[in-house]
N, C-alpha and C. Protein backbone atom coordinates (compact mmCIF):
# COMPACT_ATOMS: atom_id res chain seq x y z
N UNK A 1 -4.44 -17.97 8.81
CA UNK A 1 -5.35 -17.17 9.61
C UNK A 1 -6.02 -16.17 8.67
N UNK A 2 -7.32 -16.04 8.75
CA UNK A 2 -8.04 -15.10 7.90
C UNK A 2 -8.45 -13.88 8.70
N UNK A 3 -8.94 -12.88 7.99
CA UNK A 3 -9.33 -11.63 8.64
C UNK A 3 -10.46 -11.83 9.64
N UNK A 4 -11.31 -12.82 9.43
CA UNK A 4 -12.40 -13.04 10.39
C UNK A 4 -12.15 -14.26 11.26
N UNK A 5 -10.92 -14.64 11.39
CA UNK A 5 -10.56 -15.76 12.24
C UNK A 5 -10.67 -15.38 13.71
N UNK A 6 -11.02 -16.36 14.53
CA UNK A 6 -11.09 -16.13 15.97
C UNK A 6 -9.71 -16.25 16.62
N UNK A 7 -8.71 -16.67 15.83
CA UNK A 7 -7.36 -16.80 16.36
C UNK A 7 -6.81 -15.42 16.73
N UNK A 8 -5.99 -15.35 17.76
CA UNK A 8 -5.42 -14.05 18.12
C UNK A 8 -4.50 -13.54 17.02
N UNK A 9 -4.46 -12.23 16.86
CA UNK A 9 -3.59 -11.63 15.85
C UNK A 9 -2.27 -11.24 16.49
N UNK A 10 -1.25 -11.15 15.67
CA UNK A 10 0.07 -10.75 16.10
C UNK A 10 0.25 -9.29 15.69
N UNK A 11 0.84 -8.51 16.54
CA UNK A 11 1.09 -7.12 16.21
C UNK A 11 2.36 -7.00 15.39
N UNK A 12 2.30 -6.16 14.37
CA UNK A 12 3.47 -5.83 13.56
C UNK A 12 3.59 -4.32 13.50
N UNK A 13 4.81 -3.87 13.39
CA UNK A 13 5.03 -2.45 13.17
C UNK A 13 5.38 -2.28 11.69
N UNK A 14 4.59 -1.48 10.98
CA UNK A 14 4.88 -1.18 9.59
C UNK A 14 5.84 -0.01 9.57
N UNK A 15 6.95 -0.18 8.85
CA UNK A 15 7.98 0.85 8.74
C UNK A 15 8.08 1.23 7.27
N UNK A 16 7.66 2.46 6.96
CA UNK A 16 7.73 2.96 5.59
C UNK A 16 8.98 3.82 5.46
N UNK A 17 9.87 3.38 4.57
CA UNK A 17 11.14 4.06 4.33
C UNK A 17 11.06 4.78 2.99
N UNK A 18 11.57 5.99 2.96
CA UNK A 18 11.59 6.76 1.72
C UNK A 18 12.89 7.55 1.68
N UNK A 19 13.61 7.42 0.58
CA UNK A 19 14.88 8.14 0.44
C UNK A 19 15.90 7.75 1.50
N UNK A 20 15.86 6.50 1.95
CA UNK A 20 16.83 6.02 2.93
C UNK A 20 16.51 6.36 4.37
N UNK A 21 15.38 7.06 4.61
CA UNK A 21 15.00 7.42 5.98
C UNK A 21 13.59 6.93 6.29
N UNK A 22 13.34 6.68 7.55
CA UNK A 22 12.01 6.26 7.96
C UNK A 22 11.05 7.43 7.82
N UNK A 23 10.01 7.24 7.01
CA UNK A 23 9.00 8.27 6.79
C UNK A 23 7.93 8.20 7.87
N UNK A 24 7.49 6.97 8.17
CA UNK A 24 6.48 6.76 9.20
C UNK A 24 6.57 5.32 9.68
N UNK A 25 6.20 5.12 10.92
CA UNK A 25 6.07 3.77 11.47
C UNK A 25 4.80 3.75 12.29
N UNK A 26 4.08 2.65 12.21
CA UNK A 26 2.81 2.55 12.92
C UNK A 26 2.48 1.10 13.21
N UNK A 27 1.70 0.91 14.25
CA UNK A 27 1.29 -0.42 14.65
C UNK A 27 0.17 -0.96 13.78
N UNK A 28 0.16 -2.27 13.62
CA UNK A 28 -0.88 -2.94 12.85
C UNK A 28 -1.10 -4.34 13.42
N UNK A 29 -2.22 -4.93 13.04
CA UNK A 29 -2.51 -6.31 13.43
C UNK A 29 -2.32 -7.20 12.21
N UNK A 30 -1.53 -8.24 12.37
CA UNK A 30 -1.31 -9.20 11.29
C UNK A 30 -2.60 -9.98 11.07
N UNK A 31 -3.07 -9.98 9.82
CA UNK A 31 -4.27 -10.75 9.46
C UNK A 31 -3.90 -12.08 8.83
N UNK A 32 -2.87 -12.06 7.97
CA UNK A 32 -2.43 -13.30 7.32
C UNK A 32 -1.03 -13.12 6.76
N UNK A 33 -0.34 -14.24 6.61
CA UNK A 33 0.97 -14.27 6.00
C UNK A 33 1.13 -15.66 5.39
N UNK A 34 1.05 -15.73 4.06
CA UNK A 34 1.15 -17.02 3.38
C UNK A 34 2.57 -17.31 2.88
N UNK A 35 3.52 -16.49 3.32
CA UNK A 35 4.90 -16.65 2.88
C UNK A 35 5.26 -15.74 1.72
N UNK A 36 4.25 -15.29 0.98
CA UNK A 36 4.47 -14.36 -0.13
C UNK A 36 3.75 -13.04 0.13
N UNK A 37 2.48 -13.13 0.51
CA UNK A 37 1.69 -11.93 0.76
C UNK A 37 1.37 -11.80 2.25
N UNK A 38 1.55 -10.61 2.77
CA UNK A 38 1.26 -10.29 4.17
C UNK A 38 0.11 -9.30 4.19
N UNK A 39 -0.90 -9.57 5.01
CA UNK A 39 -2.02 -8.64 5.17
C UNK A 39 -2.08 -8.19 6.61
N UNK A 40 -2.24 -6.87 6.79
CA UNK A 40 -2.36 -6.28 8.12
C UNK A 40 -3.53 -5.30 8.13
N UNK A 41 -3.98 -4.96 9.32
CA UNK A 41 -5.02 -3.94 9.47
C UNK A 41 -4.51 -2.91 10.46
N UNK A 42 -4.76 -1.64 10.11
CA UNK A 42 -4.28 -0.54 10.96
C UNK A 42 -5.20 0.66 10.81
N UNK A 43 -5.34 1.43 11.88
CA UNK A 43 -6.07 2.69 11.75
C UNK A 43 -5.22 3.69 10.97
N UNK A 44 -5.87 4.71 10.41
CA UNK A 44 -5.17 5.80 9.72
C UNK A 44 -4.09 6.33 10.64
N UNK A 45 -2.85 6.30 10.17
CA UNK A 45 -1.72 6.66 11.01
C UNK A 45 -1.27 8.10 10.81
N UNK A 46 -1.89 8.80 9.89
CA UNK A 46 -1.51 10.19 9.66
C UNK A 46 -2.07 11.10 10.73
N UNK A 47 -1.48 12.25 10.86
CA UNK A 47 -1.97 13.22 11.83
C UNK A 47 -3.10 14.04 11.22
N UNK A 48 -4.28 13.94 11.76
CA UNK A 48 -5.41 14.72 11.26
C UNK A 48 -5.91 14.22 9.92
N UNK A 49 -6.45 15.15 9.13
CA UNK A 49 -7.06 14.83 7.84
C UNK A 49 -6.06 15.08 6.72
N UNK A 50 -6.03 14.19 5.75
CA UNK A 50 -5.23 14.40 4.53
C UNK A 50 -6.20 14.37 3.36
N UNK A 51 -6.40 15.52 2.76
CA UNK A 51 -7.35 15.67 1.67
C UNK A 51 -6.60 15.71 0.35
N UNK A 52 -6.81 14.69 -0.47
CA UNK A 52 -6.15 14.61 -1.77
C UNK A 52 -6.99 15.28 -2.87
N UNK A 53 -8.20 15.69 -2.54
CA UNK A 53 -9.11 16.25 -3.54
C UNK A 53 -10.07 15.20 -4.06
N UNK A 54 -9.59 13.99 -4.27
CA UNK A 54 -10.44 12.90 -4.75
C UNK A 54 -10.81 11.93 -3.63
N UNK A 55 -10.12 12.03 -2.49
CA UNK A 55 -10.42 11.22 -1.30
C UNK A 55 -9.81 11.92 -0.10
N UNK A 56 -10.43 11.70 1.06
CA UNK A 56 -9.91 12.23 2.32
C UNK A 56 -9.59 11.05 3.24
N UNK A 57 -8.37 11.05 3.77
CA UNK A 57 -8.01 10.12 4.82
C UNK A 57 -8.16 10.89 6.12
N UNK A 58 -8.82 10.26 7.10
CA UNK A 58 -9.10 10.99 8.33
C UNK A 58 -9.16 10.04 9.52
N UNK A 59 -9.04 10.62 10.72
CA UNK A 59 -9.13 9.78 11.92
C UNK A 59 -10.40 8.93 11.87
N UNK A 60 -10.26 7.67 12.26
CA UNK A 60 -11.37 6.73 12.21
C UNK A 60 -11.31 5.82 11.00
N UNK A 61 -10.59 6.23 9.95
CA UNK A 61 -10.44 5.36 8.77
C UNK A 61 -9.62 4.14 9.16
N UNK A 62 -9.92 3.02 8.51
CA UNK A 62 -9.23 1.77 8.76
C UNK A 62 -8.65 1.27 7.44
N UNK A 63 -7.38 0.90 7.48
CA UNK A 63 -6.67 0.42 6.29
C UNK A 63 -6.40 -1.08 6.44
N UNK A 64 -6.81 -1.84 5.45
CA UNK A 64 -6.38 -3.23 5.33
C UNK A 64 -5.32 -3.22 4.25
N UNK A 65 -4.11 -3.58 4.63
CA UNK A 65 -2.95 -3.38 3.78
C UNK A 65 -2.36 -4.73 3.35
N UNK A 66 -2.04 -4.82 2.07
CA UNK A 66 -1.50 -6.03 1.48
C UNK A 66 -0.09 -5.73 0.96
N UNK A 67 0.86 -6.53 1.41
CA UNK A 67 2.26 -6.38 1.02
C UNK A 67 2.75 -7.70 0.45
N UNK A 68 3.61 -7.62 -0.55
CA UNK A 68 4.17 -8.82 -1.16
C UNK A 68 5.67 -8.83 -1.02
N UNK A 69 6.20 -10.02 -0.82
CA UNK A 69 7.65 -10.20 -0.75
C UNK A 69 8.27 -10.32 -2.15
N UNK A 70 7.42 -10.51 -3.16
CA UNK A 70 7.92 -10.73 -4.51
C UNK A 70 7.34 -9.75 -5.54
N UNK A 71 6.66 -8.72 -5.09
CA UNK A 71 6.10 -7.72 -6.01
C UNK A 71 6.52 -6.33 -5.57
N UNK A 72 6.50 -5.43 -6.52
CA UNK A 72 6.99 -4.07 -6.31
C UNK A 72 5.85 -3.11 -5.99
N UNK A 73 4.90 -3.55 -5.19
CA UNK A 73 3.81 -2.66 -4.77
C UNK A 73 3.13 -3.19 -3.52
N UNK A 74 2.35 -2.30 -2.92
CA UNK A 74 1.45 -2.66 -1.82
C UNK A 74 0.10 -2.03 -2.13
N UNK A 75 -0.96 -2.65 -1.62
CA UNK A 75 -2.32 -2.17 -1.86
C UNK A 75 -3.00 -1.99 -0.51
N UNK A 76 -3.61 -0.83 -0.32
CA UNK A 76 -4.27 -0.52 0.95
C UNK A 76 -5.74 -0.24 0.70
N UNK A 77 -6.60 -1.09 1.22
CA UNK A 77 -8.04 -0.83 1.15
C UNK A 77 -8.36 0.17 2.25
N UNK A 78 -9.05 1.24 1.89
CA UNK A 78 -9.37 2.31 2.83
C UNK A 78 -10.86 2.29 3.11
N UNK A 79 -11.20 2.17 4.40
CA UNK A 79 -12.60 2.21 4.82
C UNK A 79 -12.81 3.36 5.80
N UNK A 80 -13.95 4.00 5.66
CA UNK A 80 -14.35 5.04 6.62
C UNK A 80 -14.70 4.37 7.95
N UNK A 81 -14.82 5.17 8.98
CA UNK A 81 -15.14 4.64 10.31
C UNK A 81 -16.43 3.83 10.31
N UNK A 82 -17.37 4.15 9.42
CA UNK A 82 -18.64 3.41 9.36
C UNK A 82 -18.55 2.13 8.54
N UNK A 83 -17.35 1.81 8.02
CA UNK A 83 -17.14 0.59 7.25
C UNK A 83 -17.28 0.75 5.75
N UNK A 84 -17.70 1.91 5.28
CA UNK A 84 -17.85 2.16 3.85
C UNK A 84 -16.48 2.17 3.18
N UNK A 85 -16.36 1.44 2.08
CA UNK A 85 -15.09 1.43 1.34
C UNK A 85 -14.95 2.75 0.59
N UNK A 86 -13.82 3.43 0.82
CA UNK A 86 -13.51 4.65 0.10
C UNK A 86 -12.78 4.33 -1.21
N UNK A 87 -11.93 3.32 -1.17
CA UNK A 87 -11.16 2.92 -2.34
C UNK A 87 -9.87 2.24 -1.93
N UNK A 88 -8.94 2.18 -2.87
CA UNK A 88 -7.67 1.51 -2.65
C UNK A 88 -6.53 2.44 -3.04
N UNK A 89 -5.61 2.62 -2.10
CA UNK A 89 -4.42 3.42 -2.35
C UNK A 89 -3.27 2.44 -2.53
N UNK A 90 -2.60 2.52 -3.65
CA UNK A 90 -1.53 1.58 -3.97
C UNK A 90 -0.20 2.31 -4.02
N UNK A 91 0.77 1.81 -3.30
CA UNK A 91 2.12 2.36 -3.28
C UNK A 91 3.02 1.48 -4.12
N UNK A 92 3.85 2.10 -4.93
CA UNK A 92 4.89 1.36 -5.62
C UNK A 92 6.09 1.33 -4.67
N UNK A 93 6.54 0.12 -4.36
CA UNK A 93 7.57 -0.10 -3.34
C UNK A 93 8.51 -1.21 -3.80
N UNK A 94 9.62 -1.30 -3.14
CA UNK A 94 10.42 -2.52 -3.29
C UNK A 94 9.65 -3.63 -2.57
N UNK A 95 9.93 -4.90 -2.89
CA UNK A 95 9.26 -5.98 -2.16
C UNK A 95 9.45 -5.83 -0.65
N UNK A 96 8.40 -6.14 0.09
CA UNK A 96 8.40 -5.99 1.55
C UNK A 96 9.29 -7.03 2.21
N UNK A 97 9.83 -6.66 3.38
CA UNK A 97 10.59 -7.61 4.19
C UNK A 97 10.00 -7.62 5.59
N UNK A 98 9.93 -8.79 6.16
CA UNK A 98 9.44 -8.96 7.53
C UNK A 98 10.60 -9.48 8.36
N UNK A 99 10.96 -8.69 9.38
CA UNK A 99 12.05 -9.07 10.27
C UNK A 99 11.53 -8.95 11.69
N UNK A 100 11.33 -10.08 12.34
CA UNK A 100 10.75 -10.06 13.68
C UNK A 100 9.35 -9.49 13.62
N UNK A 101 9.13 -8.39 14.30
CA UNK A 101 7.81 -7.76 14.30
C UNK A 101 7.77 -6.49 13.45
N UNK A 102 8.79 -6.29 12.60
CA UNK A 102 8.82 -5.12 11.72
C UNK A 102 8.61 -5.52 10.26
N UNK A 103 7.61 -4.90 9.66
CA UNK A 103 7.34 -5.06 8.24
C UNK A 103 7.89 -3.80 7.56
N UNK A 104 8.98 -3.96 6.82
CA UNK A 104 9.68 -2.81 6.25
C UNK A 104 9.39 -2.74 4.76
N UNK A 105 9.01 -1.52 4.33
CA UNK A 105 8.66 -1.28 2.94
C UNK A 105 9.33 0.01 2.48
N UNK A 106 10.00 -0.03 1.33
CA UNK A 106 10.63 1.17 0.78
C UNK A 106 9.75 1.77 -0.31
N UNK A 107 9.25 2.97 -0.04
CA UNK A 107 8.37 3.70 -0.96
C UNK A 107 9.21 4.27 -2.10
N UNK A 108 8.74 4.06 -3.35
CA UNK A 108 9.47 4.54 -4.52
C UNK A 108 8.75 5.71 -5.21
N UNK A 109 7.89 6.40 -4.50
CA UNK A 109 7.24 7.63 -4.92
C UNK A 109 6.02 7.47 -5.82
N UNK A 110 5.95 6.47 -6.66
CA UNK A 110 4.80 6.29 -7.53
C UNK A 110 3.62 5.72 -6.75
N UNK A 111 2.41 6.16 -7.08
CA UNK A 111 1.21 5.67 -6.41
C UNK A 111 0.09 5.55 -7.43
N UNK A 112 -0.96 4.81 -7.02
CA UNK A 112 -2.16 4.65 -7.83
C UNK A 112 -3.35 4.68 -6.90
N UNK A 113 -4.42 5.33 -7.33
CA UNK A 113 -5.67 5.35 -6.57
C UNK A 113 -6.75 4.69 -7.42
N UNK A 114 -7.57 3.86 -6.76
CA UNK A 114 -8.77 3.27 -7.39
C UNK A 114 -9.93 3.52 -6.44
N UNK A 115 -10.94 4.22 -6.94
CA UNK A 115 -12.11 4.51 -6.12
C UNK A 115 -12.92 3.25 -5.86
N UNK A 116 -13.80 3.31 -4.87
CA UNK A 116 -14.60 2.15 -4.48
C UNK A 116 -15.43 1.60 -5.63
N UNK A 117 -15.94 2.48 -6.49
CA UNK A 117 -16.75 2.01 -7.61
C UNK A 117 -15.90 1.64 -8.83
N UNK A 118 -14.59 1.84 -8.76
CA UNK A 118 -13.69 1.47 -9.85
C UNK A 118 -13.67 2.44 -11.02
N UNK A 119 -14.43 3.51 -10.94
CA UNK A 119 -14.51 4.45 -12.06
C UNK A 119 -13.35 5.44 -12.09
N UNK A 120 -12.77 5.72 -10.94
CA UNK A 120 -11.67 6.68 -10.85
C UNK A 120 -10.38 5.91 -10.57
N UNK A 121 -9.57 5.76 -11.59
CA UNK A 121 -8.25 5.14 -11.45
C UNK A 121 -7.25 6.19 -11.92
N UNK A 122 -6.36 6.56 -11.02
CA UNK A 122 -5.40 7.62 -11.37
C UNK A 122 -4.01 7.31 -10.86
N UNK A 123 -3.05 7.63 -11.73
CA UNK A 123 -1.63 7.52 -11.38
C UNK A 123 -1.26 8.78 -10.63
N UNK A 124 -0.43 8.62 -9.61
CA UNK A 124 -0.07 9.75 -8.75
C UNK A 124 1.45 9.86 -8.61
N UNK A 125 1.92 11.06 -8.41
CA UNK A 125 3.30 11.36 -8.02
C UNK A 125 4.35 10.97 -9.04
N UNK A 126 3.98 10.93 -10.32
CA UNK A 126 4.99 10.62 -11.34
C UNK A 126 6.07 11.71 -11.39
N UNK A 127 5.70 12.94 -11.05
CA UNK A 127 6.70 14.02 -11.01
C UNK A 127 7.69 13.79 -9.88
N UNK A 128 7.21 13.36 -8.71
CA UNK A 128 8.12 13.06 -7.58
C UNK A 128 9.07 11.93 -7.94
N UNK A 129 8.54 10.92 -8.63
CA UNK A 129 9.36 9.79 -9.04
C UNK A 129 10.48 10.26 -9.98
N UNK A 130 10.13 11.09 -10.96
CA UNK A 130 11.13 11.59 -11.90
C UNK A 130 12.19 12.41 -11.17
N UNK A 131 11.78 13.21 -10.19
CA UNK A 131 12.71 14.06 -9.44
C UNK A 131 13.55 13.27 -8.44
N UNK A 132 13.13 12.06 -8.10
CA UNK A 132 13.84 11.28 -7.07
C UNK A 132 15.24 10.85 -7.51
N UNK A 133 15.46 10.78 -8.82
CA UNK A 133 16.76 10.35 -9.32
C UNK A 133 16.96 8.85 -9.32
N UNK A 134 15.92 8.08 -9.03
CA UNK A 134 16.06 6.62 -8.98
C UNK A 134 16.49 6.06 -10.33
N UNK A 135 15.97 6.63 -11.41
CA UNK A 135 16.32 6.12 -12.75
C UNK A 135 17.82 6.20 -13.00
N UNK A 136 18.46 7.22 -12.46
CA UNK A 136 19.91 7.35 -12.63
C UNK A 136 20.68 6.49 -11.63
N UNK A 137 20.22 6.47 -10.37
CA UNK A 137 20.91 5.71 -9.32
C UNK A 137 20.74 4.20 -9.46
N UNK A 138 19.53 3.78 -9.84
CA UNK A 138 19.22 2.35 -9.87
C UNK A 138 18.22 2.09 -11.00
N UNK A 139 18.72 2.08 -12.25
CA UNK A 139 17.82 1.94 -13.41
C UNK A 139 16.95 0.68 -13.37
N UNK A 140 17.49 -0.41 -12.82
CA UNK A 140 16.68 -1.65 -12.75
C UNK A 140 15.51 -1.49 -11.80
N UNK A 141 15.75 -0.84 -10.66
CA UNK A 141 14.65 -0.61 -9.71
C UNK A 141 13.62 0.35 -10.31
N UNK A 142 14.09 1.38 -11.00
CA UNK A 142 13.17 2.34 -11.63
C UNK A 142 12.30 1.64 -12.67
N UNK A 143 12.91 0.77 -13.46
CA UNK A 143 12.14 0.03 -14.47
C UNK A 143 11.12 -0.90 -13.81
N UNK A 144 11.52 -1.55 -12.72
CA UNK A 144 10.60 -2.43 -11.99
C UNK A 144 9.44 -1.62 -11.41
N UNK A 145 9.73 -0.42 -10.92
CA UNK A 145 8.69 0.44 -10.35
C UNK A 145 7.68 0.85 -11.40
N UNK A 146 8.15 1.27 -12.56
CA UNK A 146 7.24 1.68 -13.64
C UNK A 146 6.42 0.49 -14.13
N UNK A 147 7.05 -0.67 -14.25
CA UNK A 147 6.33 -1.87 -14.66
C UNK A 147 5.25 -2.24 -13.64
N UNK A 148 5.56 -2.08 -12.36
CA UNK A 148 4.58 -2.38 -11.30
C UNK A 148 3.39 -1.43 -11.38
N UNK A 149 3.66 -0.15 -11.62
CA UNK A 149 2.57 0.82 -11.76
C UNK A 149 1.69 0.48 -12.96
N UNK A 150 2.30 0.12 -14.08
CA UNK A 150 1.55 -0.28 -15.26
C UNK A 150 0.69 -1.50 -14.97
N UNK A 151 1.26 -2.49 -14.28
CA UNK A 151 0.51 -3.71 -13.94
C UNK A 151 -0.68 -3.39 -13.04
N UNK A 152 -0.44 -2.59 -12.01
CA UNK A 152 -1.53 -2.23 -11.10
C UNK A 152 -2.63 -1.44 -11.81
N UNK A 153 -2.24 -0.53 -12.67
CA UNK A 153 -3.25 0.25 -13.39
C UNK A 153 -4.10 -0.66 -14.27
N UNK A 154 -3.46 -1.60 -14.95
CA UNK A 154 -4.20 -2.54 -15.79
C UNK A 154 -5.17 -3.37 -14.94
N UNK A 155 -4.72 -3.85 -13.79
CA UNK A 155 -5.59 -4.61 -12.90
C UNK A 155 -6.75 -3.75 -12.39
N UNK A 156 -6.44 -2.51 -12.01
CA UNK A 156 -7.45 -1.61 -11.45
C UNK A 156 -8.51 -1.23 -12.47
N UNK A 157 -8.15 -1.16 -13.73
CA UNK A 157 -9.10 -0.80 -14.78
C UNK A 157 -9.86 -2.02 -15.31
N UNK A 158 -9.35 -3.21 -15.01
CA UNK A 158 -9.97 -4.43 -15.51
C UNK A 158 -10.68 -5.20 -14.42
N UNK A 159 -10.67 -6.50 -14.55
CA UNK A 159 -11.40 -7.36 -13.61
C UNK A 159 -10.48 -8.09 -12.64
N UNK A 160 -9.17 -7.91 -12.74
CA UNK A 160 -8.25 -8.68 -11.92
C UNK A 160 -7.94 -8.09 -10.56
N UNK A 161 -8.42 -6.89 -10.28
CA UNK A 161 -8.04 -6.22 -9.04
C UNK A 161 -8.54 -6.96 -7.80
N UNK A 162 -9.81 -7.34 -7.82
CA UNK A 162 -10.38 -8.03 -6.66
C UNK A 162 -9.68 -9.37 -6.40
N UNK A 163 -9.33 -10.07 -7.49
CA UNK A 163 -8.64 -11.36 -7.34
C UNK A 163 -7.27 -11.19 -6.70
N UNK A 164 -6.64 -10.05 -6.94
CA UNK A 164 -5.34 -9.76 -6.34
C UNK A 164 -5.41 -9.77 -4.82
N UNK A 165 -6.55 -9.34 -4.28
CA UNK A 165 -6.70 -9.20 -2.83
C UNK A 165 -7.47 -10.35 -2.18
N UNK A 166 -7.96 -11.26 -2.99
CA UNK A 166 -8.76 -12.39 -2.45
C UNK A 166 -7.90 -13.36 -1.67
């Protein structure tokens, strides 16, 4: 099923877990699931406006979100209410799991932003990641998270980013 398919979509609840607790859960429409990558669409689930300085998430924004069962990240295309692409917010996560109608993702604190024109690529929250203690608790997961951030940054700065979401 593709994003512009006339087939009915299935509703999924995205559950974002951080530090062993549910950070947020929100409804989404399943766009596709090829067994490895899951794509959903959801309105901005935050309360009010979140201004990062380089982008604002606000009511009316629409996120097309890509999750992988075999990769340590998710990518969210952010569009304004008028359809204009704002950019892509990427979360470093453990691989996603789908159980029934719940898509569960564990956030590992590291993030990456890529602006719509591709000129602004920035790593985010490296201080939070360092303070999380993951490197001490689970060194293999911490190494996978850092490797995923490096991979995403390389894709975002090069030509492979669009192919990742195709």
